[in-house]
Protein backbone atom coordinates (compact mmCIF):
# COMPACT_ATOMS: atom_id res chain seq x y z
CA MET A 1 18.67 20.75 42.58
CA THR A 2 20.57 19.36 39.60
CA THR A 3 20.83 15.60 39.74
CA THR A 4 23.39 13.54 37.92
CA THR A 5 23.33 9.99 36.71
CA THR A 6 26.24 7.88 37.90
CA THR A 7 26.73 4.45 36.40
CA ARG A 8 29.61 2.11 36.84
CA PRO A 9 31.65 1.41 33.67
CA GLY A 10 29.96 -1.32 31.68
CA LEU A 11 26.37 -0.76 32.72
CA ALA A 12 25.54 1.48 29.79
CA PRO A 13 26.99 -1.02 27.21
CA ARG A 14 25.15 -3.86 28.88
CA LEU A 15 21.88 -1.94 28.62
CA THR A 16 22.65 -1.25 24.99
CA ALA A 17 23.33 -4.93 24.45
CA LEU A 18 20.00 -5.82 26.15
CA THR A 19 18.23 -3.33 23.85
CA LYS A 20 19.68 -5.18 20.89
CA VAL A 21 18.56 -8.55 22.30
CA VAL A 22 15.04 -7.22 22.76
CA GLU A 23 15.02 -5.77 19.26
CA LEU A 24 16.18 -9.05 17.68
CA GLY A 25 14.43 -11.43 20.03
CA PRO A 26 10.77 -11.50 18.72
CA GLY A 27 10.10 -14.86 17.15
CA ARG A 28 13.32 -16.28 18.69
CA LEU A 29 12.72 -15.88 22.45
CA ASP A 30 9.75 -16.66 24.61
CA LYS A 31 7.38 -13.67 24.77
CA LYS A 32 7.32 -13.73 28.58
CA LEU A 33 11.12 -13.48 28.69
CA LEU A 34 11.09 -10.72 26.16
CA ASP A 35 8.52 -8.82 28.19
CA GLU A 36 10.66 -9.21 31.25
CA ALA A 37 13.71 -7.84 29.37
CA SER A 38 11.66 -4.93 28.03
CA GLY A 39 10.50 -4.21 31.61
CA VAL A 40 14.12 -4.13 32.83
CA LEU A 41 15.07 -1.74 30.05
CA LEU A 42 12.07 0.47 30.83
CA ARG A 43 12.83 0.54 34.57
CA ALA A 44 16.50 1.17 33.95
CA GLY A 45 15.84 4.01 31.58
CA ASP A 46 13.35 5.66 33.90
CA ARG A 47 15.42 5.23 37.09
CA LEU A 48 18.66 6.50 35.63
CA LYS A 49 16.95 9.67 34.47
CA LEU A 50 15.69 10.37 37.99
CA SER A 51 17.46 11.50 41.11
CA SER A 52 20.70 9.69 41.79
CA GLU A 53 20.90 11.46 45.18
CA HIS A 54 17.98 9.42 46.57
CA THR A 55 17.82 5.77 47.41
CA VAL A 56 14.43 4.03 47.47
CA VAL A 57 14.21 1.44 50.23
CA ALA A 58 10.99 -0.63 50.41
CA LEU A 59 9.81 -2.49 53.52
CA ALA A 60 8.01 -5.57 52.24
CA GLY A 61 6.37 -8.37 54.10
CA GLY A 62 3.27 -10.39 54.86
CA THR A 63 0.32 -9.61 57.02
CA GLY A 64 1.19 -9.40 60.73
CA SER A 65 4.96 -9.21 60.25
CA GLY A 66 5.15 -5.81 61.96
CA LYS A 67 6.25 -4.08 58.82
CA SER A 68 4.35 -0.82 59.49
CA SER A 69 5.48 -0.74 63.09
CA LEU A 70 9.11 -1.10 61.93
CA PHE A 71 8.53 1.70 59.36
CA ASN A 72 7.33 3.96 62.12
CA ALA A 73 10.26 2.92 64.32
CA ILE A 74 12.82 3.80 61.63
CA SER A 75 11.13 7.08 60.73
CA GLY A 76 10.59 8.00 64.40
CA LEU A 77 6.99 9.07 63.67
CA GLU A 78 3.65 7.32 63.58
CA LEU A 79 3.28 7.77 59.78
CA SER A 80 1.88 4.40 58.76
CA PRO A 81 -1.21 3.05 60.51
CA THR A 82 -0.89 -0.30 62.25
CA GLY A 83 -3.83 -2.65 62.41
CA VAL A 84 -5.33 -4.04 65.60
CA ARG A 85 -7.74 -6.79 64.64
CA ARG A 86 -6.34 -7.59 61.19
CA PRO A 87 -3.04 -5.80 60.66
CA THR A 88 -2.80 -4.72 57.02
CA THR A 89 -1.36 -1.80 55.00
CA ALA A 90 -3.71 -0.75 52.21
CA ARG A 91 -1.63 1.98 50.51
CA THR A 92 2.08 2.66 50.21
CA HIS A 93 3.43 5.32 52.60
CA ALA A 94 6.69 7.11 51.93
CA CYS A 95 8.97 8.94 54.34
CA VAL A 96 11.61 11.08 52.66
CA TRP A 97 14.84 12.31 54.22
CA GLY A 98 15.73 15.32 51.99
CA LEU A 99 12.65 16.13 49.92
CA GLU A 100 14.43 18.37 47.41
CA GLY A 101 14.64 16.66 44.00
CA ALA A 102 12.60 13.59 45.21
CA GLY A 103 9.30 14.74 43.62
CA PRO A 104 9.81 13.22 40.14
CA LEU A 105 11.02 9.99 41.69
CA LEU A 106 7.96 9.79 43.98
CA ASP A 107 5.74 10.50 40.99
CA TRP A 108 7.44 7.64 39.08
CA LEU A 109 6.79 5.38 42.11
CA GLN A 110 3.15 6.59 41.96
CA ILE A 111 3.05 7.44 45.67
CA GLN A 112 -0.06 9.45 46.42
CA TRP A 113 0.55 13.00 47.74
CA ARG A 114 -1.36 12.41 50.98
CA HIS A 115 0.91 9.46 51.73
CA ARG A 116 4.21 11.35 51.33
CA PHE A 117 6.02 12.49 54.45
CA SER A 118 9.20 14.48 54.82
CA ARG A 119 11.85 14.35 57.49
CA ALA A 120 13.44 17.75 57.01
CA SER A 121 13.04 19.42 60.39
CA ALA A 122 15.51 20.16 63.16
CA LEU A 123 14.43 16.87 64.79
CA ASP A 124 16.24 14.95 61.99
CA LYS A 125 19.80 16.16 62.72
CA GLY A 126 20.61 12.83 64.31
CA ASP A 127 19.48 11.10 61.10
CA SER A 128 21.70 13.01 58.73
CA GLN A 129 23.28 9.75 57.58
CA LEU A 130 19.82 8.94 56.13
CA HIS A 131 19.74 12.07 53.94
CA GLY A 132 18.55 10.96 50.53
CA LEU A 133 16.48 8.02 51.84
CA ILE A 134 12.99 7.34 50.51
CA LEU A 135 11.52 4.70 52.81
CA LEU A 136 8.39 2.95 51.60
CA ASP A 137 5.92 0.95 53.65
CA LEU A 138 4.38 -1.43 51.06
CA PRO A 139 0.98 -3.07 51.15
CA ASP A 140 1.04 -6.59 52.54
CA HIS A 141 1.79 -8.92 49.61
CA ASP A 142 -0.32 -11.75 51.02
CA SER A 143 -3.39 -9.82 52.12
CA ILE A 144 -6.85 -10.31 50.52
CA ARG A 145 -6.47 -6.91 48.88
CA ALA A 146 -3.16 -8.02 47.37
CA LEU A 147 -4.97 -10.56 45.31
CA THR A 148 -6.40 -7.72 43.14
CA ASP A 149 -3.87 -4.97 43.82
CA THR A 150 -0.37 -5.50 42.38
CA GLU A 151 1.09 -2.37 43.99
CA ALA A 152 3.36 -4.35 46.28
CA ASP A 153 4.73 -6.45 43.43
CA ARG A 154 5.28 -3.34 41.30
CA LEU A 155 7.18 -1.38 43.95
CA ILE A 156 9.29 -4.39 44.95
CA GLY A 157 10.51 -4.37 41.34
CA LEU A 158 11.08 -0.62 41.27
CA ALA A 159 12.79 -0.20 44.73
CA ASP A 160 16.57 0.21 44.88
CA LEU A 161 16.83 -1.87 48.05
CA VAL A 162 14.20 -4.20 49.58
CA VAL A 163 14.00 -5.00 53.28
CA TRP A 164 11.97 -8.18 53.78
CA VAL A 165 10.26 -8.03 57.16
CA LEU A 166 9.66 -11.56 58.46
CA ASP A 167 8.08 -12.73 61.70
CA PRO A 168 9.27 -15.71 63.75
CA GLN A 169 6.16 -17.74 63.02
CA LYS A 170 6.06 -17.24 59.23
CA TYR A 171 9.71 -16.57 58.34
CA ALA A 172 9.67 -19.61 56.05
CA ASP A 173 6.27 -18.87 54.56
CA ALA A 174 5.91 -20.19 51.03
CA SER A 175 4.08 -17.08 49.82
CA THR A 176 7.27 -15.08 50.36
CA HIS A 177 9.90 -17.57 49.43
CA ARG A 178 8.32 -19.06 46.32
CA ARG A 179 7.08 -15.78 44.88
CA TYR A 180 10.05 -13.54 45.76
CA VAL A 181 13.09 -15.06 47.46
CA THR A 182 13.80 -17.64 44.76
CA ASP A 183 14.14 -14.72 42.27
CA LEU A 184 16.70 -12.90 44.42
CA ALA A 185 19.78 -14.71 43.12
CA GLY A 186 22.42 -12.04 42.54
CA HIS A 187 20.43 -9.40 44.51
CA ASP A 188 22.29 -9.96 47.77
CA ALA A 189 23.71 -6.43 47.82
CA VAL A 190 20.27 -4.84 47.56
CA THR A 191 18.24 -7.18 49.80
CA VAL A 192 18.02 -7.26 53.55
CA PHE A 193 16.01 -9.63 55.78
CA ALA A 194 14.71 -8.21 59.05
CA LEU A 195 13.64 -10.98 61.38
CA ASN A 196 11.12 -8.84 63.30
CA GLN A 197 9.33 -9.38 66.64
CA ALA A 198 12.55 -10.61 68.16
CA ASP A 199 11.14 -9.61 71.57
CA ARG A 200 8.89 -12.69 71.48
CA LEU A 201 11.91 -15.05 71.46
CA THR A 202 14.54 -15.97 73.93
CA THR A 203 18.15 -15.33 73.02
CA GLU A 204 18.67 -19.03 72.19
CA GLU A 205 15.55 -19.22 70.10
CA LEU A 206 16.47 -16.08 68.18
CA ALA A 207 20.00 -17.42 67.46
CA GLU A 208 18.54 -20.67 66.23
CA LEU A 209 16.01 -18.93 63.92
CA VAL A 210 18.72 -16.69 62.50
CA ILE A 211 20.86 -19.69 61.66
CA ASP A 212 17.92 -21.56 60.18
CA LEU A 213 16.90 -18.56 58.09
CA ASN A 214 20.38 -18.07 56.76
CA ASP A 215 20.53 -21.71 55.73
CA LEU A 216 17.17 -21.50 54.03
CA LEU A 217 18.10 -18.41 52.06
CA ARG A 218 21.39 -19.96 50.93
CA ARG A 219 19.52 -23.03 49.66
CA GLU A 220 17.28 -20.74 47.68
CA GLY A 221 20.17 -19.03 45.98
CA VAL A 222 20.92 -16.03 48.20
CA ASP A 223 24.65 -16.61 48.62
CA HIS A 224 25.36 -13.93 51.13
CA PRO A 225 22.14 -13.18 53.03
CA SER A 226 21.96 -10.12 55.30
CA VAL A 227 19.75 -10.97 58.31
CA VAL A 228 19.10 -8.38 60.99
CA PRO A 229 17.01 -9.35 64.08
CA THR A 230 14.65 -6.45 65.05
CA SER A 231 11.86 -5.56 67.35
CA ALA A 232 9.71 -2.54 66.62
CA VAL A 233 8.26 -2.82 70.18
CA THR A 234 11.50 -2.70 72.15
CA GLY A 235 13.60 -1.01 69.48
CA ARG A 236 16.06 -3.93 69.47
CA GLY A 237 17.98 -4.04 66.18
CA VAL A 238 16.28 -0.96 64.73
CA GLU A 239 19.54 1.01 64.87
CA SER A 240 21.38 -1.86 63.24
CA LEU A 241 18.83 -1.94 60.43
CA LYS A 242 19.08 1.83 60.11
CA SER A 243 22.85 1.53 59.87
CA VAL A 244 22.54 -1.01 57.00
CA ILE A 245 20.15 1.34 55.23
CA ALA A 246 22.31 4.36 55.94
CA THR A 247 25.34 2.60 54.36
CA ALA A 248 23.38 1.96 51.20
CA VAL A 249 22.13 5.52 51.15
CA SER A 250 25.54 7.09 51.66
CA ARG A 251 27.15 5.07 48.85
CA ARG A 252 24.48 6.15 46.36
CA ARG A 253 25.00 2.86 44.57
CA ALA A 254 21.88 0.88 45.45
CA ALA A 255 20.03 1.93 42.32
CA ILE A 256 22.94 0.86 40.13
CA GLN A 257 23.38 -2.39 42.08
CA LYS A 258 19.72 -3.19 41.67
CA LEU A 259 19.94 -2.67 37.91
CA GLU A 260 23.10 -4.75 37.77
CA ALA A 261 21.35 -7.55 39.73
CA ASP A 262 18.32 -7.37 37.41
CA LEU A 263 20.63 -7.67 34.41
CA HIS A 264 22.46 -10.57 35.98
CA ARG A 265 19.26 -12.48 36.62
CA LEU A 266 18.02 -11.73 33.15
CA GLU A 267 21.33 -12.76 31.61
CA GLN A 268 21.03 -16.13 33.31
CA ARG A 269 17.56 -16.70 32.04
CA LEU A 270 18.54 -15.63 28.50
CA GLY A 271 21.51 -17.91 28.67
CA GLU A 272 19.34 -20.84 29.64
CA ALA A 273 16.88 -20.09 26.86
CA MET A 274 19.53 -19.34 24.26
CA PRO A 275 23.02 -20.69 25.24
CA LEU A 276 25.89 -18.72 23.74
CA GLY A 277 28.12 -21.71 23.28
CA GLU A 278 29.75 -21.66 19.85
CA ALA A 279 27.04 -19.47 18.35
CA LEU A 280 29.46 -16.73 17.33
CA SER A 281 31.52 -19.17 15.31
CA ALA A 282 28.58 -19.62 12.93
CA PRO A 283 28.94 -17.70 9.63
CA SER A 284 27.54 -14.23 9.53
CA SER A 285 27.43 -14.15 5.74
CA VAL A 286 27.35 -16.48 2.78
CA ASP A 287 30.93 -17.11 1.70
CA GLU A 288 31.98 -17.21 -1.94
CA ALA A 289 32.36 -20.99 -2.01
CA ARG A 290 28.78 -21.52 -0.93
CA ARG A 291 27.53 -18.90 -3.39
CA MET A 292 29.29 -20.78 -6.19
CA GLY A 293 27.94 -24.05 -4.91
CA LEU A 294 24.39 -22.72 -4.98
CA THR A 295 24.91 -21.30 -8.47
CA ASP A 296 26.28 -24.62 -9.71
CA ALA A 297 23.33 -26.53 -8.30
CA LEU A 298 20.77 -24.10 -9.73
CA CYS A 299 22.55 -24.16 -13.12
CA ASP A 300 22.13 -27.92 -13.13
CA ALA A 301 18.54 -27.59 -12.02
CA VAL A 302 17.66 -25.31 -14.98
CA GLY A 303 19.78 -27.26 -17.48
CA VAL A 304 22.47 -24.68 -18.35
CA PRO A 305 24.96 -27.39 -19.48
CA ALA A 306 22.35 -28.99 -21.67
CA VAL A 307 21.53 -25.66 -23.30
CA GLY A 308 25.20 -25.00 -23.93
CA GLU A 309 25.80 -28.48 -25.39
CA ALA A 310 22.69 -28.25 -27.63
CA MET A 311 23.76 -24.82 -28.87
CA GLU A 312 27.25 -26.07 -29.65
CA ASN A 313 25.95 -29.03 -31.65
CA VAL A 314 23.52 -26.95 -33.60
CA TYR A 315 26.11 -24.27 -34.30
CA ALA A 316 28.47 -26.87 -35.69
CA GLU A 317 25.84 -28.63 -37.84
CA ARG A 318 24.25 -25.48 -39.24
CA SER A 319 27.64 -24.12 -40.26
CA GLY A 320 27.94 -27.00 -42.74
CA GLN A 321 25.34 -25.32 -44.95
CA TRP A 322 27.57 -22.25 -45.29
CA VAL A 323 31.22 -23.03 -44.82
CA GLY A 324 31.48 -26.69 -45.92
CA TRP A 325 33.07 -27.48 -49.30
CA PRO A 326 29.91 -27.61 -51.56
CA TYR A 327 30.74 -30.87 -53.27
CA PRO A 328 30.78 -33.05 -50.17
CA ARG A 329 27.68 -31.21 -48.97
CA TRP A 330 25.86 -31.98 -52.20
CA PHE A 331 26.81 -35.62 -51.93
CA ALA A 332 25.66 -35.57 -48.33
CA LYS A 333 22.16 -34.70 -49.47
CA LEU A 334 21.86 -38.30 -50.70
CA ARG A 335 22.09 -39.33 -47.04
CA PRO A 336 19.48 -38.63 -44.27
CA ASP A 337 19.64 -35.16 -42.78
CA PRO A 338 21.92 -35.33 -39.72
CA LEU A 339 19.83 -32.68 -37.97
CA LYS A 340 16.83 -34.97 -38.28
CA ALA A 341 18.89 -37.78 -36.91
CA LEU A 342 19.78 -35.60 -33.95
CA ARG A 343 16.13 -34.44 -33.66
CA LEU A 344 17.30 -30.85 -33.80
CA GLU A 345 15.10 -29.47 -36.52
CA ASP A 346 13.58 -26.90 -34.13
CA VAL A 347 16.36 -26.70 -31.61
CA SER A 348 15.51 -23.14 -30.70
CA ALA A 349 12.17 -24.23 -29.34
CA GLU A 350 13.78 -27.13 -27.53
CA ILE A 351 16.36 -24.96 -25.90
CA ARG A 352 13.77 -22.49 -24.65
CA GLY A 353 11.78 -25.44 -23.39
CA ILE A 354 14.64 -26.78 -21.25
CA THR A 355 13.88 -24.36 -18.46
CA THR A 356 10.14 -24.92 -18.57
CA GLY A 357 9.63 -28.43 -19.69
CA SER A 358 9.74 -30.25 -16.33
CA VAL A 359 8.46 -27.82 -13.71
CA SER A 360 7.90 -30.29 -10.89
CA ALA A 361 11.27 -31.97 -11.26
CA GLN A 362 12.98 -28.63 -11.54
CA SER A 363 11.24 -27.28 -8.48
CA ALA A 364 12.46 -30.27 -6.51
CA GLU A 365 16.03 -29.71 -7.69
CA VAL A 366 15.84 -26.02 -6.81
CA ALA A 367 14.47 -26.90 -3.40
CA ASN A 368 17.31 -29.33 -2.81
CA ALA A 369 19.88 -26.66 -3.74
CA VAL A 370 18.36 -24.16 -1.33
CA GLN A 371 18.04 -26.77 1.39
CA ALA A 372 21.69 -27.74 1.03
CA LEU A 373 22.79 -24.09 1.37
CA ALA A 374 20.66 -23.59 4.54
CA ASP A 375 21.90 -26.85 6.04
CA GLY A 376 25.50 -25.90 5.57
CA LEU A 377 25.11 -22.44 7.04
CA SER A 378 22.96 -23.33 10.01
CA ALA A 379 24.86 -26.39 11.22
CA GLY A 380 25.42 -26.14 14.98
CA MET A 381 22.95 -23.32 15.52
CA HIS A 382 20.20 -23.29 18.15
CA PRO A 383 17.09 -25.08 16.63
CA VAL A 384 15.13 -21.80 16.65
CA TRP A 385 17.76 -19.98 14.60
CA ARG A 386 18.39 -23.02 12.37
CA SER A 387 14.68 -23.03 11.51
CA ALA A 388 14.79 -19.26 10.89
CA VAL A 389 17.70 -19.66 8.43
CA HIS A 390 15.84 -22.38 6.53
CA GLN A 391 12.71 -20.29 6.48
CA ALA A 392 14.69 -17.34 5.12
CA ALA A 393 16.24 -19.54 2.44
CA ARG A 394 12.86 -20.81 1.41
CA SER A 395 11.07 -17.44 1.70
CA ARG A 396 11.05 -16.94 -2.08
CA SER A 397 11.91 -20.42 -3.27
CA GLY A 398 8.40 -20.84 -4.70
CA GLN A 399 9.06 -17.95 -7.12
CA LEU A 400 12.61 -19.02 -7.86
CA PRO A 401 11.99 -21.55 -10.72
CA GLN A 402 9.76 -19.09 -12.59
CA ALA A 403 12.21 -16.27 -12.06
CA LEU A 404 15.06 -18.40 -13.43
CA THR A 405 12.98 -19.49 -16.42
CA GLU A 406 12.07 -15.97 -17.37
CA ASP A 407 15.58 -14.64 -16.96
CA LEU A 408 17.27 -17.40 -18.90
CA THR A 409 14.75 -17.28 -21.71
CA GLU A 410 16.05 -13.81 -22.50
CA VAL A 411 19.52 -15.20 -23.29
CA ALA A 412 18.45 -18.32 -25.22
CA PRO A 413 20.72 -18.56 -28.31
CA GLN A 414 19.55 -17.22 -31.68
CA LEU A 415 20.12 -20.35 -33.76
CA ASP A 416 19.21 -18.66 -37.09
CA ARG A 417 21.94 -16.04 -36.65
CA ILE A 418 24.56 -16.31 -39.45
CA PRO A 419 27.99 -14.90 -38.75
CA GLY A 420 29.31 -12.52 -41.47
CA TRP A 421 32.44 -14.59 -42.15
CA TRP A 422 30.21 -17.56 -43.01
CA ARG A 423 28.65 -15.55 -45.82
CA ALA A 424 32.07 -14.33 -47.09
CA LEU A 425 33.49 -17.84 -47.07
CA LYS A 426 30.50 -19.20 -48.93
CA VAL A 427 31.02 -16.57 -51.69
CA TRP A 428 34.70 -17.59 -51.85
CA GLN A 429 33.94 -21.32 -52.06
CA TYR A 430 31.28 -20.86 -54.77
CA THR A 431 33.80 -18.75 -56.71
CA LEU A 432 36.13 -21.78 -56.58
CA VAL A 433 33.27 -23.96 -57.71
CA GLY A 434 32.74 -21.62 -60.68
CA VAL A 435 36.46 -21.71 -61.56
CA PHE A 436 36.42 -25.56 -61.37
CA VAL A 437 33.39 -25.74 -63.61
CA ALA A 438 35.08 -23.38 -66.12
CA GLY A 439 38.13 -25.67 -66.09
CA VAL A 440 35.94 -28.68 -66.78
CA VAL A 441 34.38 -26.93 -69.73
CA TRP A 442 37.84 -25.96 -71.00
CA LEU A 443 39.09 -29.54 -70.85
CA VAL A 444 36.00 -30.97 -72.51
CA ALA A 445 36.10 -28.42 -75.27
CA GLY A 446 39.84 -28.97 -75.85
CA LEU A 447 39.59 -32.77 -75.90
CA LEU A 448 36.35 -33.23 -77.83
CA MET A 449 36.55 -30.39 -80.35
CA PRO A 450 40.21 -29.85 -81.38
CA GLY A 451 40.53 -27.46 -84.32
CA GLN A 452 36.75 -26.91 -84.50
CA LEU A 453 36.55 -23.96 -82.15
CA PRO A 454 36.13 -20.37 -83.45
CA PRO A 455 39.38 -18.50 -83.99
CA GLN A 456 38.92 -16.42 -80.86
CA LEU A 457 38.74 -19.66 -78.76
CA GLU A 458 41.45 -21.65 -80.53
CA LEU A 459 43.78 -21.13 -77.56
CA LEU A 460 41.44 -23.34 -75.51
CA GLY A 461 42.04 -26.21 -77.80
CA GLU A 462 45.81 -26.19 -77.80
CA GLY A 463 47.07 -29.41 -76.39
CA ALA A 464 49.92 -27.72 -74.54
CA ALA A 465 47.41 -25.74 -72.39
CA LEU A 466 45.35 -28.72 -71.30
CA PRO A 467 47.77 -30.06 -68.68
CA TRP A 468 47.90 -26.63 -67.08
CA VAL A 469 44.11 -26.57 -67.04
CA GLY A 470 44.06 -29.92 -65.25
CA LEU A 471 46.59 -28.66 -62.78
CA MET A 472 44.51 -25.58 -62.14
CA MET A 473 41.41 -27.72 -61.54
CA ALA A 474 43.26 -29.90 -59.11
CA SER A 475 44.52 -26.83 -57.33
CA VAL A 476 41.04 -25.45 -57.17
CA LEU A 477 39.75 -28.68 -55.68
CA GLY A 478 42.59 -28.77 -53.15
CA LEU A 479 42.13 -25.13 -52.18
CA GLY A 480 38.38 -25.66 -51.74
CA ALA A 481 38.94 -28.75 -49.58
CA LEU A 482 41.58 -26.97 -47.46
CA SER A 483 39.31 -23.96 -47.00
CA GLY A 484 36.52 -26.26 -46.00
CA ILE A 485 38.74 -28.05 -43.43
CA ALA A 486 39.98 -24.76 -42.07
CA ALA A 487 36.48 -23.38 -41.90
CA ARG A 488 35.29 -26.42 -39.98
CA ASN A 489 38.10 -25.95 -37.46
CA PHE A 490 37.18 -22.34 -37.01
CA VAL A 491 33.53 -23.27 -36.69
CA GLU A 492 34.36 -25.75 -33.92
CA LEU A 493 36.46 -23.14 -32.14
CA GLY A 494 33.66 -20.59 -32.58
CA ALA A 495 31.04 -23.08 -31.34
CA SER A 496 33.11 -23.78 -28.23
CA ARG A 497 33.56 -20.07 -27.58
CA GLU A 498 29.88 -19.40 -28.19
CA ARG A 499 28.96 -22.14 -25.73
CA GLU A 500 31.32 -20.68 -23.12
CA ARG A 501 29.87 -17.21 -23.66
CA LEU A 502 26.32 -18.49 -23.42
CA GLU A 503 26.96 -20.55 -20.29
CA ARG A 504 28.87 -17.74 -18.70
CA GLU A 505 26.00 -15.32 -19.29
CA MET A 506 23.42 -17.83 -18.10
CA ARG A 507 25.52 -18.61 -15.05
CA ARG A 508 25.83 -14.85 -14.28
CA ARG A 509 22.07 -14.48 -14.47
CA VAL A 510 21.51 -17.56 -12.28
CA ALA A 511 23.92 -16.14 -9.72
CA ALA A 512 22.22 -12.75 -9.77
CA VAL A 513 18.75 -14.28 -9.31
CA SER A 514 19.95 -16.62 -6.51
CA ALA A 515 21.68 -13.70 -4.77
CA THR A 516 18.46 -11.69 -4.74
CA MET A 517 16.00 -14.43 -3.90
CA VAL A 518 18.05 -16.79 -1.68
CA VAL A 519 21.36 -15.34 -0.53
CA GLU A 520 20.13 -11.92 0.57
CA PRO A 521 17.34 -13.21 2.84
CA VAL A 522 19.67 -15.79 4.31
CA GLU A 523 22.39 -13.23 4.96
CA ARG A 524 19.86 -10.94 6.69
CA GLU A 525 19.02 -13.83 9.02
CA LEU A 526 22.66 -14.73 9.56
CA GLY A 527 23.42 -11.10 10.37
CA ARG A 528 20.52 -11.08 12.84
CA HIS A 529 21.83 -14.29 14.44
CA HIS A 530 25.34 -12.84 14.79
CA SER A 531 24.12 -9.51 16.17
CA PHE A 532 21.84 -11.27 18.64
CA PHE A 533 24.56 -13.46 20.11
CA THR A 534 27.08 -10.63 20.08
CA ALA A 535 24.62 -8.60 22.13
CA LEU A 536 24.10 -11.62 24.40
CA ARG A 537 27.84 -11.90 24.89
CA ASP A 538 28.17 -8.18 25.63
CA LEU A 539 25.36 -8.40 28.14
CA SER A 540 27.28 -10.95 30.19
CA VAL A 541 30.54 -9.01 30.23
């Protein structure tokens, strides 16, 4: 027989959401709760692959409740042995109405072959409404054997519908209510309570017990309890119980309802452990503003502005040796070296030392920058997730200062680099110096040795030429001064641009390192947080 799996719309997505919760939960959820969720997924996966034409109904109860007698009464055969001195069921017995296709399901339930019985004869025509029923008589959950044998607990969890068989004397027994009934919230549709041995009570006593049992169950979270008085001895209520079971069997929905109830109970426990609240409003990635803020803080921590300022100062001062008008520079040598006054004789070494000189202080500043990023992103999160975001942000923070140091050292400015235009300007200025010196010689020769020069140099001594020579010398001095001033302006502009280029490159490298070592681990955790709570939301839909 070909079996099909029928699920109500929404069950499959909820199971998918629970799978995601289990996948992302380790380290965030209690292991016991995760194990329970994994168990629900395993049961759901197994049950939905098995026959949807059969409904598993388990009779559960304590010792002496008459559970086996009721099992025999429903099946119409003496299939399960009843005790005399100490009533107890040692092994699960199964009675199947419609055995075809039930084998894999019975194997999954781990029912031994010798304890499987089939109702498929002509005698069962009156029970056609039960076709597809697998009725289980479970071991007594409170027997001595039950202390070491968990078969009853296992099958209570696997059954599609559970009928709790209670006797009048122990219907409020703590071993049943504390261990099982308090966990039945949301399982009303797949739980029935049979108040057995009703033949021992008068009509008034039975009515009073039914009312009291209903009140007790409601207090324990069973909003709509289904209580059926029965007597396996007289047969009272057996048909009513069979009718309830037959309704569940005919609808073929008990298995789905049980899974939905299990998901509902699990959803409540997950919600208590990890409230959804405003969790989905938390960022799922690091926005550009926070990336820039982290980059700014790390640039300050490694001294990028200081490097840029030092480079600009050195660039401007060193240029004076090449593009300054030589005469002022020569006179300046009579004064102390301005580089020495600035303590920049070996600025290249100082600049490279900026990122390594104060490791402890730098590490603290880096840690503060990372902490600030994590604080901003995890605000309002559950403490477990907030701690996880901080841990992700700090996961590589110990390596971060060294990584920044090594990366920025590669772009430290080359202070001994001389631009080509500096060299060309120096040639030009020294040419002007040579012309000025030639003019001085001309004037001296014309003024001190008139008429005494050789014939070929007589033109130099002509008085009419001397004023023009003086004008030329003044022009040379002015042109040299103007070229020096213009050169200094260009040097300052070039120094500013060089500083911007250097800081831009260093900032780019800081941003790249921080993205790899801080932002990426944090974004993975933020994505995990968002996916977890999205799955938690989808589970509750």
